[in-house]
PDB file of N, CA and C in Angstrom:
ATOM      1  N   MET A   1      76.163-162.502  38.694  1.00  0.00           N
ATOM      2  CA  MET A   1      75.418-161.605  38.465  1.00  0.00           C
ATOM      3  C   MET A   1      77.280-160.893  39.689  1.00  0.00           C
ATOM      4  N   SER A   2      78.035-159.916  39.076  1.00  0.00           N
ATOM      5  CA  SER A   2      79.484-160.061  39.801  1.00  0.00           C
ATOM      6  C   SER A   2      78.685-158.615  40.816  1.00  0.00           C
ATOM      7  N   GLU A   3      80.106-158.867  42.228  1.00  0.00           N
ATOM      8  CA  GLU A   3      80.166-157.848  42.868  1.00  0.00           C
ATOM      9  C   GLU A   3      80.401-156.798  42.852  1.00  0.00           C
ATOM     10  N   VAL A   4      80.027-155.510  42.805  1.00  0.00           N
ATOM     11  CA  VAL A   4      79.909-154.496  42.576  1.00  0.00           C
ATOM     12  C   VAL A   4      81.612-154.050  43.574  1.00  0.00           C
ATOM     13  N   ARG A   5      82.810-153.397  43.555  1.00  0.00           N
ATOM     14  CA  ARG A   5      83.196-152.846  44.650  1.00  0.00           C
ATOM     15  C   ARG A   5      83.846-151.175  44.269  1.00  0.00           C
ATOM     16  N   THR A   6      83.813-150.766  45.326  1.00  0.00           N
ATOM     17  CA  THR A   6      83.875-149.254  44.746  1.00  0.00           C
ATOM     18  C   THR A   6      85.223-149.189  45.693  1.00  0.00           C
ATOM     19  N   GLN A   7      86.041-147.167  45.340  1.00  0.00           N
ATOM     20  CA  GLN A   7      86.817-147.542  45.828  1.00  0.00           C
ATOM     21  C   GLN A   7      87.451-146.062  45.717  1.00  0.00           C
ATOM     22  N   LYS A   8      87.532-145.378  47.158  1.00  0.00           N
ATOM     23  CA  LYS A   8      87.938-144.203  46.611  1.00  0.00           C
ATOM     24  C   LYS A   8      88.786-143.996  46.433  1.00  0.00           C
ATOM     25  N   VAL A   9      88.699-142.887  46.090  1.00  0.00           N
ATOM     26  CA  VAL A   9      90.843-142.400  45.136  1.00  0.00           C
ATOM     27  C   VAL A   9      90.656-140.900  46.074  1.00  0.00           C
ATOM     28  N   ARG A  10      91.788-140.682  46.224  1.00  0.00           N
ATOM     29  CA  ARG A  10      92.867-140.171  47.877  1.00  0.00           C
ATOM     30  C   ARG A  10      93.430-139.378  46.531  1.00  0.00           C
ATOM     31  N   THR A  11      93.108-138.485  45.964  1.00  0.00           N
ATOM     32  CA  THR A  11      94.321-136.877  46.079  1.00  0.00           C
ATOM     33  C   THR A  11      95.455-136.072  46.666  1.00  0.00           C
ATOM     34  N   SER A  12      96.130-135.607  46.006  1.00  0.00           N
ATOM     35  CA  SER A  12      97.157-135.074  46.575  1.00  0.00           C
ATOM     36  C   SER A  12      96.103-133.866  46.998  1.00  0.00           C
ATOM     37  N   LEU A  13      95.127-133.606  46.950  1.00  0.00           N
ATOM     38  CA  LEU A  13      94.412-131.910  46.967  1.00  0.00           C
ATOM     39  C   LEU A  13      93.150-131.946  48.047  1.00  0.00           C
ATOM     40  N   ALA A  14      92.374-133.793  48.131  1.00  0.00           N
ATOM     41  CA  ALA A  14      91.855-134.024  49.796  1.00  0.00           C
ATOM     42  C   ALA A  14      93.111-133.836  50.635  1.00  0.00           C
ATOM     43  N   GLN A  15      94.081-134.768  50.477  1.00  0.00           N
ATOM     44  CA  GLN A  15      94.220-134.475  51.703  1.00  0.00           C
ATOM     45  C   GLN A  15      95.447-133.081  52.084  1.00  0.00           C
ATOM     46  N   GLN A  16      95.862-131.857  51.676  1.00  0.00           N
ATOM     47  CA  GLN A  16      96.235-131.074  52.086  1.00  0.00           C
ATOM     48  C   GLN A  16      94.416-130.471  52.823  1.00  0.00           C
ATOM     49  N   MET A  17      93.423-130.630  51.876  1.00  0.00           N
ATOM     50  CA  MET A  17      92.492-130.188  52.620  1.00  0.00           C
ATOM     51  C   MET A  17      92.129-130.646  53.527  1.00  0.00           C
ATOM     52  N   ALA A  18      92.255-131.728  53.951  1.00  0.00           N
ATOM     53  CA  ALA A  18      91.909-132.736  54.966  1.00  0.00           C
ATOM     54  C   ALA A  18      92.477-132.279  56.317  1.00  0.00           C
ATOM     55  N   GLN A  19      93.648-131.621  55.525  1.00  0.00           N
ATOM     56  CA  GLN A  19      94.793-130.767  57.124  1.00  0.00           C
ATOM     57  C   GLN A  19      94.913-129.566  57.449  1.00  0.00           C
ATOM     58  N   PRO A  20      94.599-129.675  59.044  1.00  0.00           N
ATOM     59  CA  PRO A  20      94.787-128.362  59.636  1.00  0.00           C
ATOM     60  C   PRO A  20      95.123-127.096  59.407  1.00  0.00           C
ATOM     61  N   GLY A  21      94.644-125.948  59.621  1.00  0.00           N
ATOM     62  CA  GLY A  21      95.801-125.057  59.086  1.00  0.00           C
ATOM     63  C   GLY A  21      95.172-124.036  58.037  1.00  0.00           C
ATOM     64  N   GLY A  22      95.933-123.477  57.793  1.00  0.00           N
ATOM     65  CA  GLY A  22      95.561-122.632  56.207  1.00  0.00           C
ATOM     66  C   GLY A  22      95.199-120.889  56.331  1.00  0.00           C
ATOM     67  N   ARG A  23      94.560-119.941  55.738  1.00  0.00           N
ATOM     68  CA  ARG A  23      94.146-119.270  56.316  1.00  0.00           C
ATOM     69  C   ARG A  23      92.071-119.304  56.592  1.00  0.00           C
ATOM     70  N   THR A  24      92.024-117.785  57.082  1.00  0.00           N
ATOM     71  CA  THR A  24      90.545-118.520  57.721  1.00  0.00           C
ATOM     72  C   THR A  24      90.294-117.019  56.079  1.00  0.00           C
ATOM     73  N   LEU A  25      88.671-117.715  56.737  1.00  0.00           N
ATOM     74  CA  LEU A  25      87.542-116.544  55.655  1.00  0.00           C
ATOM     75  C   LEU A  25      87.536-115.771  55.168  1.00  0.00           C
ATOM     76  N   ALA A  26      87.691-115.007  56.316  1.00  0.00           N
ATOM     77  CA  ALA A  26      87.907-113.264  56.508  1.00  0.00           C
ATOM     78  C   ALA A  26      89.033-113.208  55.423  1.00  0.00           C
ATOM     79  N   ASP A  27      90.388-113.810  55.801  1.00  0.00           N
ATOM     80  CA  ASP A  27      91.747-113.437  54.893  1.00  0.00           C
ATOM     81  C   ASP A  27      91.431-113.584  53.851  1.00  0.00           C
ATOM     82  N   VAL A  28      90.566-114.980  53.407  1.00  0.00           N
ATOM     83  CA  VAL A  28      90.802-115.355  52.015  1.00  0.00           C
ATOM     84  C   VAL A  28      89.760-114.505  51.263  1.00  0.00           C
ATOM     85  N   GLU A  29      89.133-113.616  51.621  1.00  0.00           N
ATOM     86  CA  GLU A  29      87.805-112.899  51.267  1.00  0.00           C
ATOM     87  C   GLU A  29      88.800-111.323  51.118  1.00  0.00           C
ATOM     88  N   ARG A  30      88.871-111.221  51.840  1.00  0.00           N
ATOM     89  CA  ARG A  30      90.352-109.493  51.862  1.00  0.00           C
ATOM     90  C   ARG A  30      90.791-110.054  50.871  1.00  0.00           C
ATOM     91  N   ARG A  31      91.392-110.467  50.888  1.00  0.00           N
ATOM     92  CA  ARG A  31      92.715-110.862  49.429  1.00  0.00           C
ATOM     93  C   ARG A  31      91.883-110.992  48.622  1.00  0.00           C
ATOM     94  N   ALA A  32      90.848-111.830  47.989  1.00  0.00           N
ATOM     95  CA  ALA A  32      90.156-111.315  46.899  1.00  0.00           C
ATOM     96  C   ALA A  32      89.743-110.406  46.718  1.00  0.00           C
ATOM     97  N   ASN A  33      88.975-109.804  47.221  1.00  0.00           N
ATOM     98  CA  ASN A  33      88.818-108.355  47.279  1.00  0.00           C
ATOM     99  C   ASN A  33      89.214-107.284  46.118  1.00  0.00           C
ATOM    100  N   GLU A  34      90.886-107.669  47.079  1.00  0.00           N
ATOM    101  CA  GLU A  34      92.035-106.443  47.351  1.00  0.00           C
ATOM    102  C   GLU A  34      92.316-107.302  45.481  1.00  0.00           C
ATOM    103  N   ARG A  35      92.584-108.204  45.090  1.00  0.00           N
ATOM    104  CA  ARG A  35      92.806-108.529  43.848  1.00  0.00           C
ATOM    105  C   ARG A  35      91.720-108.114  42.687  1.00  0.00           C
ATOM    106  N   LEU A  36      90.306-108.285  42.779  1.00  0.00           N
ATOM    107  CA  LEU A  36      89.625-107.744  42.347  1.00  0.00           C
ATOM    108  C   LEU A  36      89.141-106.339  42.309  1.00  0.00           C
ATOM    109  N   GLY A  37      89.565-105.379  42.874  1.00  0.00           N
ATOM    110  CA  GLY A  37      89.678-104.400  43.366  1.00  0.00           C
ATOM    111  C   GLY A  37      90.915-103.431  42.105  1.00  0.00           C
ATOM    112  N   ARG A  38      91.536-104.257  42.132  1.00  0.00           N
ATOM    113  CA  ARG A  38      92.828-103.443  40.648  1.00  0.00           C
ATOM    114  C   ARG A  38      92.495-103.663  39.212  1.00  0.00           C
ATOM    115  N   HIS A  39      90.804-104.281  39.207  1.00  0.00           N
ATOM    116  CA  HIS A  39      90.257-104.617  37.489  1.00  0.00           C
ATOM    117  C   HIS A  39      89.353-103.843  37.895  1.00  0.00           C
ATOM    118  N   LYS A  40      88.597-103.362  38.977  1.00  0.00           N
ATOM    119  CA  LYS A  40      87.475-102.545  39.106  1.00  0.00           C
ATOM    120  C   LYS A  40      87.205-101.545  37.921  1.00  0.00           C
ATOM    121  N   ALA A  41      88.397-100.476  37.759  1.00  0.00           N
ATOM    122  CA  ALA A  41      88.352 -99.193  37.356  1.00  0.00           C
ATOM    123  C   ALA A  41      88.136 -99.212  35.660  1.00  0.00           C
ATOM    124  N   GLU A  42      89.388-100.520  35.237  1.00  0.00           N
ATOM    125  CA  GLU A  42      89.645-101.819  33.839  1.00  0.00           C
ATOM    126  C   GLU A  42      88.280-102.190  33.100  1.00  0.00           C
ATOM    127  N   VAL A  43      87.519-102.386  33.602  1.00  0.00           N
ATOM    128  CA  VAL A  43      86.473-103.089  34.014  1.00  0.00           C
ATOM    129  C   VAL A  43      85.144-102.077  33.465  1.00  0.00           C
ATOM    130  N   MET A  44      85.420-101.485  34.788  1.00  0.00           N
ATOM    131  CA  MET A  44      83.736-100.210  35.019  1.00  0.00           C
ATOM    132  C   MET A  44      83.737 -99.418  33.701  1.00  0.00           C
ATOM    133  N   ALA A  45      85.187 -99.076  33.105  1.00  0.00           N
ATOM    134  CA  ALA A  45      85.395 -98.578  31.560  1.00  0.00           C
ATOM    135  C   ALA A  45      84.734 -99.249  30.746  1.00  0.00           C
ATOM    136  N   GLU A  46      85.046-100.024  30.228  1.00  0.00           N
ATOM    137  CA  GLU A  46      84.827-101.765  29.047  1.00  0.00           C
ATOM    138  C   GLU A  46      83.274-101.773  29.371  1.00  0.00           C
ATOM    139  N   ILE A  47      82.759-101.575  30.835  1.00  0.00           N
ATOM    140  CA  ILE A  47      81.181-102.258  30.712  1.00  0.00           C
ATOM    141  C   ILE A  47      80.420-100.547  30.095  1.00  0.00           C
ATOM    142  N   GLU A  48      81.217 -99.475  30.323  1.00  0.00           N
ATOM    143  CA  GLU A  48      80.344 -98.280  30.312  1.00  0.00           C
ATOM    144  C   GLU A  48      80.567 -98.012  28.892  1.00  0.00           C
ATOM    145  N   ALA A  49      81.499 -98.786  27.984  1.00  0.00           N
ATOM    146  CA  ALA A  49      82.496 -98.419  26.862  1.00  0.00           C
ATOM    147  C   ALA A  49      80.765 -99.251  25.816  1.00  0.00           C
ATOM    148  N   ALA A  50      80.401-100.648  25.888  1.00  0.00           N
ATOM    149  CA  ALA A  50      80.051-101.175  25.387  1.00  0.00           C
ATOM    150  C   ALA A  50      78.484-100.811  26.225  1.00  0.00           C
ATOM    151  N   VAL A  51      78.349-100.206  26.811  1.00  0.00           N
ATOM    152  CA  VAL A  51      76.795 -99.833  26.899  1.00  0.00           C
ATOM    153  C   VAL A  51      76.293 -98.553  25.913  1.00  0.00           C
TER     154      VAL A  51
END
């Protein structure tokens, strides 16, 4: 029987994620909520029309 060899693939995304820095979780959440808030009225109108 042959020996099993495993090799870890190093992607550029994995390398970027390993680097220190970037945005804080609170900042990411705030920015996401701002972007979602832009669509809220439109989505709620579509939901009301469907119900």
